[in-house]
Amino acid sequence: MPEGFNQLVEKLSVKKRIWILTGAGISVSSGIPTYRDDNRAWKYSQPIQHDDFINHSATRKRYWARSLVGFHYFGSARPNPCHYAIVHLQNRGASRVW
């Protein structure tokens, strides 16, 4: 864990309520890649939009084909220190899942 990580979690643990807002990057160290590069450009094709998914069977087929390729990342992913810190804060009542 990064230096000072445990101290940060402990300081946040005594707060009555905190908001935790994360992005996809929280799971990178768990082996789940992000969709954007450091300049916020899409690394691959842009995500499928809801209306396209609902209205076009070809888009749905493309979505599921792309999903099958990515599922192995999720199957082998394990929680990282950030995930454990969030659970720790939730267990202490400092935060909760909405």
PDB file of N, CA and C in Angstrom:
ATOM      1  N   MET A   1       0.839  -1.188   0.000  1.00  0.00           N
ATOM      2  CA  MET A   1       0.000   0.000   0.000  1.00  0.00           C
ATOM      3  C   MET A   1       0.879   1.245   0.000  1.00  0.00           C
ATOM      4  N   PRO A   2       0.377   2.308  -0.606  1.00  0.00           N
ATOM      5  CA  PRO A   2       1.158   3.547  -0.630  1.00  0.00           C
ATOM      6  C   PRO A   2       1.393   4.087   0.780  1.00  0.00           C
ATOM      7  N   GLU A   3       2.482   4.810   0.927  1.00  0.00           N
ATOM      8  CA  GLU A   3       2.802   5.414   2.220  1.00  0.00           C
ATOM      9  C   GLU A   3       1.671   6.350   2.646  1.00  0.00           C
ATOM     10  N   GLY A   4       1.251   6.239   3.872  1.00  0.00           N
ATOM     11  CA  GLY A   4       0.205   7.099   4.399  1.00  0.00           C
ATOM     12  C   GLY A   4      -1.211   6.596   4.144  1.00  0.00           C
ATOM     13  N   PHE A   5      -1.339   5.503   3.417  1.00  0.00           N
ATOM     14  CA  PHE A   5      -2.664   4.986   3.060  1.00  0.00           C
ATOM     15  C   PHE A   5      -3.480   4.616   4.294  1.00  0.00           C
ATOM     16  N   ASN A   6      -2.875   3.844   5.195  1.00  0.00           N
ATOM     17  CA  ASN A   6      -3.596   3.426   6.404  1.00  0.00           C
ATOM     18  C   ASN A   6      -3.983   4.619   7.269  1.00  0.00           C
ATOM     19  N   GLN A   7      -3.101   5.616   7.337  1.00  0.00           N
ATOM     20  CA  GLN A   7      -3.415   6.805   8.126  1.00  0.00           C
ATOM     21  C   GLN A   7      -4.619   7.554   7.521  1.00  0.00           C
ATOM     22  N   LEU A   8      -4.658   7.630   6.212  1.00  0.00           N
ATOM     23  CA  LEU A   8      -5.785   8.295   5.554  1.00  0.00           C
ATOM     24  C   LEU A   8      -7.089   7.568   5.854  1.00  0.00           C
ATOM     25  N   VAL A   9      -7.081   6.249   5.734  1.00  0.00           N
ATOM     26  CA  VAL A   9      -8.285   5.462   6.012  1.00  0.00           C
ATOM     27  C   VAL A   9      -8.726   5.660   7.453  1.00  0.00           C
ATOM     28  N   GLU A  10      -7.791   5.666   8.382  1.00  0.00           N
ATOM     29  CA  GLU A  10      -8.140   5.850   9.790  1.00  0.00           C
ATOM     30  C   GLU A  10      -8.727   7.239  10.049  1.00  0.00           C
ATOM     31  N   LYS A  11      -8.159   8.264   9.422  1.00  0.00           N
ATOM     32  CA  LYS A  11      -8.696   9.619   9.601  1.00  0.00           C
ATOM     33  C   LYS A  11     -10.110   9.726   9.032  1.00  0.00           C
ATOM     34  N   LEU A  12     -10.338   9.087   7.893  1.00  0.00           N
ATOM     35  CA  LEU A  12     -11.679   9.125   7.307  1.00  0.00           C
ATOM     36  C   LEU A  12     -12.669   8.292   8.117  1.00  0.00           C
ATOM     37  N   SER A  13     -12.184   7.263   8.787  1.00  0.00           N
ATOM     38  CA  SER A  13     -13.047   6.371   9.556  1.00  0.00           C
ATOM     39  C   SER A  13     -13.778   7.064  10.696  1.00  0.00           C
ATOM     40  N   VAL A  14     -13.220   8.138  11.232  1.00  0.00           N
ATOM     41  CA  VAL A  14     -13.854   8.814  12.359  1.00  0.00           C
ATOM     42  C   VAL A  14     -14.876   9.861  11.917  1.00  0.00           C
ATOM     43  N   LYS A  15     -14.962  10.109  10.623  1.00  0.00           N
ATOM     44  CA  LYS A  15     -15.938  11.078  10.122  1.00  0.00           C
ATOM     45  C   LYS A  15     -17.336  10.486  10.205  1.00  0.00           C
ATOM     46  N   LYS A  16     -18.320  11.340  10.414  1.00  0.00           N
ATOM     47  CA  LYS A  16     -19.697  10.858  10.523  1.00  0.00           C
ATOM     48  C   LYS A  16     -20.174  10.283   9.197  1.00  0.00           C
ATOM     49  N   ARG A  17     -19.995  11.009   8.127  1.00  0.00           N
ATOM     50  CA  ARG A  17     -20.375  10.549   6.792  1.00  0.00           C
ATOM     51  C   ARG A  17     -19.411  11.134   5.769  1.00  0.00           C
ATOM     52  N   ILE A  18     -19.020  10.319   4.819  1.00  0.00           N
ATOM     53  CA  ILE A  18     -18.218  10.802   3.704  1.00  0.00           C
ATOM     54  C   ILE A  18     -18.794  10.242   2.408  1.00  0.00           C
ATOM     55  N   TRP A  19     -18.581  10.980   1.331  1.00  0.00           N
ATOM     56  CA  TRP A  19     -18.958  10.506  -0.003  1.00  0.00           C
ATOM     57  C   TRP A  19     -17.718   9.930  -0.654  1.00  0.00           C
ATOM     58  N   ILE A  20     -17.882   8.809  -1.314  1.00  0.00           N
ATOM     59  CA  ILE A  20     -16.782   8.195  -2.050  1.00  0.00           C
ATOM     60  C   ILE A  20     -17.223   8.101  -3.509  1.00  0.00           C
ATOM     61  N   LEU A  21     -16.551   8.838  -4.346  1.00  0.00           N
ATOM     62  CA  LEU A  21     -16.850   8.835  -5.773  1.00  0.00           C
ATOM     63  C   LEU A  21     -15.604   8.374  -6.507  1.00  0.00           C
ATOM     64  N   THR A  22     -15.709   7.273  -7.206  1.00  0.00           N
ATOM     65  CA  THR A  22     -14.562   6.747  -7.934  1.00  0.00           C
ATOM     66  C   THR A  22     -14.884   6.665  -9.422  1.00  0.00           C
ATOM     67  N   GLY A  23     -13.858   6.442 -10.177  1.00  0.00           N
ATOM     68  CA  GLY A  23     -14.011   6.198 -11.603  1.00  0.00           C
ATOM     69  C   GLY A  23     -13.469   4.822 -11.926  1.00  0.00           C
ATOM     70  N   ALA A  24     -13.408   4.522 -13.206  1.00  0.00           N
ATOM     71  CA  ALA A  24     -12.935   3.206 -13.645  1.00  0.00           C
ATOM     72  C   ALA A  24     -11.497   2.955 -13.209  1.00  0.00           C
ATOM     73  N   GLY A  25     -10.729   3.997 -13.034  1.00  0.00           N
ATOM     74  CA  GLY A  25      -9.327   3.846 -12.678  1.00  0.00           C
ATOM     75  C   GLY A  25      -9.084   3.155 -11.354  1.00  0.00           C
ATOM     76  N   ILE A  26     -10.071   3.114 -10.484  1.00  0.00           N
ATOM     77  CA  ILE A  26      -9.889   2.464  -9.185  1.00  0.00           C
ATOM     78  C   ILE A  26      -9.585   0.976  -9.346  1.00  0.00           C
ATOM     79  N   SER A  27     -10.009   0.385 -10.452  1.00  0.00           N
ATOM     80  CA  SER A  27      -9.841  -1.053 -10.649  1.00  0.00           C
ATOM     81  C   SER A  27      -8.671  -1.433 -11.550  1.00  0.00           C
ATOM     82  N   VAL A  28      -7.898  -0.465 -11.994  1.00  0.00           N
ATOM     83  CA  VAL A  28      -6.765  -0.757 -12.881  1.00  0.00           C
ATOM     84  C   VAL A  28      -5.782  -1.715 -12.214  1.00  0.00           C
ATOM     85  N   SER A  29      -5.457  -1.468 -10.951  1.00  0.00           N
ATOM     86  CA  SER A  29      -4.487  -2.343 -10.284  1.00  0.00           C
ATOM     87  C   SER A  29      -5.068  -3.722  -9.974  1.00  0.00           C
ATOM     88  N   SER A  30      -6.362  -3.892 -10.216  1.00  0.00           N
ATOM     89  CA  SER A  30      -6.988  -5.208 -10.080  1.00  0.00           C
ATOM     90  C   SER A  30      -6.972  -5.971 -11.397  1.00  0.00           C
ATOM     91  N   GLY A  31      -6.457  -5.324 -12.432  1.00  0.00           N
ATOM     92  CA  GLY A  31      -6.362  -5.981 -13.730  1.00  0.00           C
ATOM     93  C   GLY A  31      -7.468  -5.641 -14.702  1.00  0.00           C
ATOM     94  N   ILE A  32      -8.309  -4.671 -14.361  1.00  0.00           N
ATOM     95  CA  ILE A  32      -9.393  -4.263 -15.252  1.00  0.00           C
ATOM     96  C   ILE A  32      -8.966  -2.975 -15.952  1.00  0.00           C
ATOM     97  N   PRO A  33      -8.788  -3.030 -17.264  1.00  0.00           N
ATOM     98  CA  PRO A  33      -8.299  -1.852 -17.981  1.00  0.00           C
ATOM     99  C   PRO A  33      -9.359  -0.762 -18.095  1.00  0.00           C
ATOM    100  N   THR A  34      -8.909   0.457 -18.274  1.00  0.00           N
ATOM    101  CA  THR A  34      -9.823   1.575 -18.501  1.00  0.00           C
ATOM    102  C   THR A  34     -10.084   1.706 -19.993  1.00  0.00           C
ATOM    103  N   TYR A  35     -11.082   2.489 -20.332  1.00  0.00           N
ATOM    104  CA  TYR A  35     -11.455   2.686 -21.731  1.00  0.00           C
ATOM    105  C   TYR A  35     -10.784   3.899 -22.359  1.00  0.00           C
ATOM    106  N   ARG A  36     -10.186   4.753 -21.532  1.00  0.00           N
ATOM    107  CA  ARG A  36      -9.568   5.972 -22.047  1.00  0.00           C
ATOM    108  C   ARG A  36      -8.080   5.997 -21.722  1.00  0.00           C
ATOM    109  N   ASP A  37      -7.329   6.751 -22.516  1.00  0.00           N
ATOM    110  CA  ASP A  37      -5.900   6.897 -22.251  1.00  0.00           C
ATOM    111  C   ASP A  37      -5.664   8.104 -21.341  1.00  0.00           C
ATOM    112  N   ASP A  38      -4.419   8.442 -21.102  1.00  0.00           N
ATOM    113  CA  ASP A  38      -4.087   9.547 -20.199  1.00  0.00           C
ATOM    114  C   ASP A  38      -4.587  10.900 -20.691  1.00  0.00           C
ATOM    115  N   ASN A  39      -4.861  11.000 -21.984  1.00  0.00           N
ATOM    116  CA  ASN A  39      -5.388  12.243 -22.555  1.00  0.00           C
ATOM    117  C   ASN A  39      -6.910  12.216 -22.690  1.00  0.00           C
ATOM    118  N   ARG A  40      -7.549  11.228 -22.089  1.00  0.00           N
ATOM    119  CA  ARG A  40      -8.990  11.041 -22.092  1.00  0.00           C
ATOM    120  C   ARG A  40      -9.561  10.634 -23.448  1.00  0.00           C
ATOM    121  N   ALA A  41      -8.707  10.229 -24.373  1.00  0.00           N
ATOM    122  CA  ALA A  41      -9.174   9.738 -25.674  1.00  0.00           C
ATOM    123  C   ALA A  41      -9.554   8.271 -25.521  1.00  0.00           C
ATOM    124  N   TRP A  42     -10.537   7.824 -26.291  1.00  0.00           N
ATOM    125  CA  TRP A  42     -10.949   6.424 -26.240  1.00  0.00           C
ATOM    126  C   TRP A  42      -9.809   5.546 -26.734  1.00  0.00           C
ATOM    127  N   LYS A  43      -9.480   4.510 -25.980  1.00  0.00           N
ATOM    128  CA  LYS A  43      -8.438   3.567 -26.388  1.00  0.00           C
ATOM    129  C   LYS A  43      -8.943   2.660 -27.506  1.00  0.00           C
ATOM    130  N   TYR A  44     -10.196   2.366 -27.487  1.00  0.00           N
ATOM    131  CA  TYR A  44     -10.816   1.465 -28.453  1.00  0.00           C
ATOM    132  C   TYR A  44     -12.001   2.208 -29.063  1.00  0.00           C
ATOM    133  N   SER A  45     -12.942   1.494 -29.629  1.00  0.00           N
ATOM    134  CA  SER A  45     -14.120   2.179 -30.159  1.00  0.00           C
ATOM    135  C   SER A  45     -14.963   2.718 -29.008  1.00  0.00           C
ATOM    136  N   GLN A  46     -15.726   3.749 -29.293  1.00  0.00           N
ATOM    137  CA  GLN A  46     -16.544   4.369 -28.256  1.00  0.00           C
ATOM    138  C   GLN A  46     -17.612   3.395 -27.759  1.00  0.00           C
ATOM    139  N   PRO A  47     -18.029   3.552 -26.504  1.00  0.00           N
ATOM    140  CA  PRO A  47     -19.064   2.668 -25.956  1.00  0.00           C
ATOM    141  C   PRO A  47     -20.359   2.766 -26.749  1.00  0.00           C
ATOM    142  N   ILE A  48     -21.084   1.685 -26.712  1.00  0.00           N
ATOM    143  CA  ILE A  48     -22.387   1.642 -27.375  1.00  0.00           C
ATOM    144  C   ILE A  48     -23.376   2.442 -26.543  1.00  0.00           C
ATOM    145  N   GLN A  49     -24.157   3.255 -27.211  1.00  0.00           N
ATOM    146  CA  GLN A  49     -25.152   4.078 -26.540  1.00  0.00           C
ATOM    147  C   GLN A  49     -26.466   3.311 -26.360  1.00  0.00           C
ATOM    148  N   HIS A  50     -27.190   3.647 -25.317  1.00  0.00           N
ATOM    149  CA  HIS A  50     -28.420   2.948 -24.950  1.00  0.00           C
ATOM    150  C   HIS A  50     -29.406   2.860 -26.111  1.00  0.00           C
ATOM    151  N   ASP A  51     -29.693   3.987 -26.742  1.00  0.00           N
ATOM    152  CA  ASP A  51     -30.682   3.976 -27.837  1.00  0.00           C
ATOM    153  C   ASP A  51     -30.254   3.058 -28.973  1.00  0.00           C
ATOM    154  N   ASP A  52     -28.975   3.048 -29.294  1.00  0.00           N
ATOM    155  CA  ASP A  52     -28.484   2.155 -30.345  1.00  0.00           C
ATOM    156  C   ASP A  52     -28.664   0.694 -29.932  1.00  0.00           C
ATOM    157  N   PHE A  53     -28.401   0.403 -28.672  1.00  0.00           N
ATOM    158  CA  PHE A  53     -28.556  -0.964 -28.168  1.00  0.00           C
ATOM    159  C   PHE A  53     -30.013  -1.396 -28.257  1.00  0.00           C
ATOM    160  N   ILE A  54     -30.905  -0.544 -27.838  1.00  0.00           N
ATOM    161  CA  ILE A  54     -32.338  -0.871 -27.823  1.00  0.00           C
ATOM    162  C   ILE A  54     -32.902  -1.003 -29.240  1.00  0.00           C
ATOM    163  N   ASN A  55     -32.498  -0.139 -30.132  1.00  0.00           N
ATOM    164  CA  ASN A  55     -33.146  -0.041 -31.440  1.00  0.00           C
ATOM    165  C   ASN A  55     -32.515  -0.855 -32.566  1.00  0.00           C
ATOM    166  N   HIS A  56     -31.340  -1.420 -32.360  1.00  0.00           N
ATOM    167  CA  HIS A  56     -30.663  -2.106 -33.462  1.00  0.00           C
ATOM    168  C   HIS A  56     -30.114  -3.465 -33.013  1.00  0.00           C
ATOM    169  N   SER A  57     -30.613  -4.517 -33.614  1.00  0.00           N
ATOM    170  CA  SER A  57     -30.150  -5.864 -33.235  1.00  0.00           C
ATOM    171  C   SER A  57     -28.664  -6.049 -33.555  1.00  0.00           C
ATOM    172  N   ALA A  58     -28.183  -5.438 -34.629  1.00  0.00           N
ATOM    173  CA  ALA A  58     -26.758  -5.558 -34.961  1.00  0.00           C
ATOM    174  C   ALA A  58     -25.891  -4.938 -33.870  1.00  0.00           C
ATOM    175  N   THR A  59     -26.359  -3.843 -33.266  1.00  0.00           N
ATOM    176  CA  THR A  59     -25.617  -3.205 -32.179  1.00  0.00           C
ATOM    177  C   THR A  59     -25.600  -4.097 -30.948  1.00  0.00           C
ATOM    178  N   ARG A  60     -26.720  -4.735 -30.668  1.00  0.00           N
ATOM    179  CA  ARG A  60     -26.754  -5.657 -29.528  1.00  0.00           C
ATOM    180  C   ARG A  60     -25.795  -6.820 -29.741  1.00  0.00           C
ATOM    181  N   LYS A  61     -25.747  -7.367 -30.932  1.00  0.00           N
ATOM    182  CA  LYS A  61     -24.819  -8.460 -31.234  1.00  0.00           C
ATOM    183  C   LYS A  61     -23.374  -7.995 -31.061  1.00  0.00           C
ATOM    184  N   ARG A  62     -23.082  -6.794 -31.530  1.00  0.00           N
ATOM    185  CA  ARG A  62     -21.733  -6.239 -31.374  1.00  0.00           C
ATOM    186  C   ARG A  62     -21.393  -6.064 -29.893  1.00  0.00           C
ATOM    187  N   TYR A  63     -22.371  -5.568 -29.122  1.00  0.00           N
ATOM    188  CA  TYR A  63     -22.164  -5.373 -27.685  1.00  0.00           C
ATOM    189  C   TYR A  63     -21.799  -6.692 -27.006  1.00  0.00           C
ATOM    190  N   TRP A  64     -22.592  -7.733 -27.249  1.00  0.00           N
ATOM    191  CA  TRP A  64     -22.349  -9.001 -26.575  1.00  0.00           C
ATOM    192  C   TRP A  64     -21.049  -9.638 -27.046  1.00  0.00           C
ATOM    193  N   ALA A  65     -20.703  -9.469 -28.303  1.00  0.00           N
ATOM    194  CA  ALA A  65     -19.423  -9.991 -28.797  1.00  0.00           C
ATOM    195  C   ALA A  65     -18.260  -9.287 -28.104  1.00  0.00           C
ATOM    196  N   ARG A  66     -18.349  -7.975 -27.978  1.00  0.00           N
ATOM    197  CA  ARG A  66     -17.301  -7.222 -27.288  1.00  0.00           C
ATOM    198  C   ARG A  66     -17.242  -7.594 -25.815  1.00  0.00           C
ATOM    199  N   SER A  67     -18.399  -7.812 -25.212  1.00  0.00           N
ATOM    200  CA  SER A  67     -18.439  -8.160 -23.791  1.00  0.00           C
ATOM    201  C   SER A  67     -17.762  -9.497 -23.534  1.00  0.00           C
ATOM    202  N   LEU A  68     -17.989 -10.468 -24.406  1.00  0.00           N
ATOM    203  CA  LEU A  68     -17.354 -11.771 -24.217  1.00  0.00           C
ATOM    204  C   LEU A  68     -15.839 -11.662 -24.219  1.00  0.00           C
ATOM    205  N   VAL A  69     -15.305 -10.767 -25.024  1.00  0.00           N
ATOM    206  CA  VAL A  69     -13.859 -10.571 -25.075  1.00  0.00           C
ATOM    207  C   VAL A  69     -13.359 -10.012 -23.746  1.00  0.00           C
ATOM    208  N   GLY A  70     -14.130  -9.118 -23.133  1.00  0.00           N
ATOM    209  CA  GLY A  70     -13.698  -8.454 -21.897  1.00  0.00           C
ATOM    210  C   GLY A  70     -13.993  -9.206 -20.620  1.00  0.00           C
ATOM    211  N   PHE A  71     -14.848 -10.236 -20.672  1.00  0.00           N
ATOM    212  CA  PHE A  71     -15.251 -10.923 -19.453  1.00  0.00           C
ATOM    213  C   PHE A  71     -14.084 -11.562 -18.702  1.00  0.00           C
ATOM    214  N   HIS A  72     -13.039 -11.990 -19.400  1.00  0.00           N
ATOM    215  CA  HIS A  72     -11.933 -12.651 -18.700  1.00  0.00           C
ATOM    216  C   HIS A  72     -11.228 -11.707 -17.731  1.00  0.00           C
ATOM    217  N   TYR A  73     -11.251 -10.406 -18.012  1.00  0.00           N
ATOM    218  CA  TYR A  73     -10.645  -9.451 -17.073  1.00  0.00           C
ATOM    219  C   TYR A  73     -11.375  -9.474 -15.737  1.00  0.00           C
ATOM    220  N   PHE A  74     -12.689  -9.543 -15.796  1.00  0.00           N
ATOM    221  CA  PHE A  74     -13.485  -9.500 -14.580  1.00  0.00           C
ATOM    222  C   PHE A  74     -13.419 -10.810 -13.808  1.00  0.00           C
ATOM    223  N   GLY A  75     -13.318 -11.909 -14.526  1.00  0.00           N
ATOM    224  CA  GLY A  75     -13.251 -13.209 -13.873  1.00  0.00           C
ATOM    225  C   GLY A  75     -11.982 -13.414 -13.072  1.00  0.00           C
ATOM    226  N   SER A  76     -10.893 -12.797 -13.505  1.00  0.00           N
ATOM    227  CA  SER A  76      -9.629 -12.967 -12.800  1.00  0.00           C
ATOM    228  C   SER A  76      -9.277 -11.793 -11.885  1.00  0.00           C
ATOM    229  N   ALA A  77     -10.105 -10.766 -11.884  1.00  0.00           N
ATOM    230  CA  ALA A  77      -9.829  -9.570 -11.069  1.00  0.00           C
ATOM    231  C   ALA A  77     -10.035  -9.866  -9.582  1.00  0.00           C
ATOM    232  N   ARG A  78      -9.224  -9.236  -8.780  1.00  0.00           N
ATOM    233  CA  ARG A  78      -9.332  -9.345  -7.322  1.00  0.00           C
ATOM    234  C   ARG A  78      -9.341  -7.941  -6.729  1.00  0.00           C
ATOM    235  N   PRO A  79      -9.996  -7.763  -5.587  1.00  0.00           N
ATOM    236  CA  PRO A  79     -10.016  -6.435  -4.958  1.00  0.00           C
ATOM    237  C   PRO A  79      -8.607  -5.934  -4.682  1.00  0.00           C
ATOM    238  N   ASN A  80      -8.445  -4.622  -4.779  1.00  0.00           N
ATOM    239  CA  ASN A  80      -7.153  -4.004  -4.486  1.00  0.00           C
ATOM    240  C   ASN A  80      -7.288  -3.175  -3.201  1.00  0.00           C
ATOM    241  N   PRO A  81      -6.216  -2.571  -2.724  1.00  0.00           N
ATOM    242  CA  PRO A  81      -6.283  -1.817  -1.461  1.00  0.00           C
ATOM    243  C   PRO A  81      -7.369  -0.735  -1.434  1.00  0.00           C
ATOM    244  N   CYS A  82      -7.637  -0.099  -2.557  1.00  0.00           N
ATOM    245  CA  CYS A  82      -8.697   0.919  -2.570  1.00  0.00           C
ATOM    246  C   CYS A  82     -10.059   0.299  -2.284  1.00  0.00           C
ATOM    247  N   HIS A  83     -10.319  -0.855  -2.867  1.00  0.00           N
ATOM    248  CA  HIS A  83     -11.589  -1.536  -2.611  1.00  0.00           C
ATOM    249  C   HIS A  83     -11.711  -1.914  -1.138  1.00  0.00           C
ATOM    250  N   TYR A  84     -10.614  -2.450  -0.583  1.00  0.00           N
ATOM    251  CA  TYR A  84     -10.644  -2.828   0.827  1.00  0.00           C
ATOM    252  C   TYR A  84     -10.830  -1.614   1.736  1.00  0.00           C
ATOM    253  N   ALA A  85     -10.243  -0.491   1.370  1.00  0.00           N
ATOM    254  CA  ALA A  85     -10.403   0.727   2.175  1.00  0.00           C
ATOM    255  C   ALA A  85     -11.865   1.182   2.171  1.00  0.00           C
ATOM    256  N   ILE A  86     -12.512   1.110   1.022  1.00  0.00           N
ATOM    257  CA  ILE A  86     -13.922   1.501   0.942  1.00  0.00           C
ATOM    258  C   ILE A  86     -14.775   0.577   1.810  1.00  0.00           C
ATOM    259  N   VAL A  87     -14.518  -0.719   1.756  1.00  0.00           N
ATOM    260  CA  VAL A  87     -15.262  -1.671   2.593  1.00  0.00           C
ATOM    261  C   VAL A  87     -15.022  -1.370   4.071  1.00  0.00           C
ATOM    262  N   HIS A  88     -13.777  -1.081   4.411  1.00  0.00           N
ATOM    263  CA  HIS A  88     -13.444  -0.747   5.799  1.00  0.00           C
ATOM    264  C   HIS A  88     -14.260   0.469   6.264  1.00  0.00           C
ATOM    265  N   LEU A  89     -14.324   1.498   5.433  1.00  0.00           N
ATOM    266  CA  LEU A  89     -15.080   2.701   5.794  1.00  0.00           C
ATOM    267  C   LEU A  89     -16.573   2.398   5.886  1.00  0.00           C
ATOM    268  N   GLN A  90     -17.071   1.560   5.006  1.00  0.00           N
ATOM    269  CA  GLN A  90     -18.485   1.178   5.072  1.00  0.00           C
ATOM    270  C   GLN A  90     -18.776   0.391   6.344  1.00  0.00           C
ATOM    271  N   ASN A  91     -17.906  -0.537   6.691  1.00  0.00           N
ATOM    272  CA  ASN A  91     -18.103  -1.350   7.901  1.00  0.00           C
ATOM    273  C   ASN A  91     -18.073  -0.514   9.170  1.00  0.00           C
ATOM    274  N   ARG A  92     -17.344   0.594   9.133  1.00  0.00           N
ATOM    275  CA  ARG A  92     -17.288   1.479  10.307  1.00  0.00           C
ATOM    276  C   ARG A  92     -18.421   2.496  10.301  1.00  0.00           C
ATOM    277  N   GLY A  93     -19.244   2.488   9.258  1.00  0.00           N
ATOM    278  CA  GLY A  93     -20.380   3.378   9.195  1.00  0.00           C
ATOM    279  C   GLY A  93     -20.063   4.760   8.640  1.00  0.00           C
ATOM    280  N   ALA A  94     -18.850   4.958   8.126  1.00  0.00           N
ATOM    281  CA  ALA A  94     -18.476   6.268   7.597  1.00  0.00           C
ATOM    282  C   ALA A  94     -19.055   6.498   6.201  1.00  0.00           C
ATOM    283  N   SER A  95     -19.387   5.429   5.533  1.00  0.00           N
ATOM    284  CA  SER A  95     -19.941   5.527   4.188  1.00  0.00           C
ATOM    285  C   SER A  95     -20.883   4.354   3.982  1.00  0.00           C
ATOM    286  N   ARG A  96     -21.774   4.478   3.008  1.00  0.00           N
ATOM    287  CA  ARG A  96     -22.658   3.354   2.693  1.00  0.00           C
ATOM    288  C   ARG A  96     -22.924   3.348   1.186  1.00  0.00           C
ATOM    289  N   VAL A  97     -23.319   2.215   0.701  1.00  0.00           N
ATOM    290  CA  VAL A  97     -23.646   2.070  -0.709  1.00  0.00           C
ATOM    291  C   VAL A  97     -25.047   2.599  -0.946  1.00  0.00           C
ATOM    292  N   TRP A  98     -25.190   3.424  -1.947  1.00  0.00           N
ATOM    293  CA  TRP A  98     -26.516   3.977  -2.267  1.00  0.00           C
ATOM    294  C   TRP A  98     -27.135   3.107  -3.277  1.00  0.00           C
TER     295      TRP A  98
END
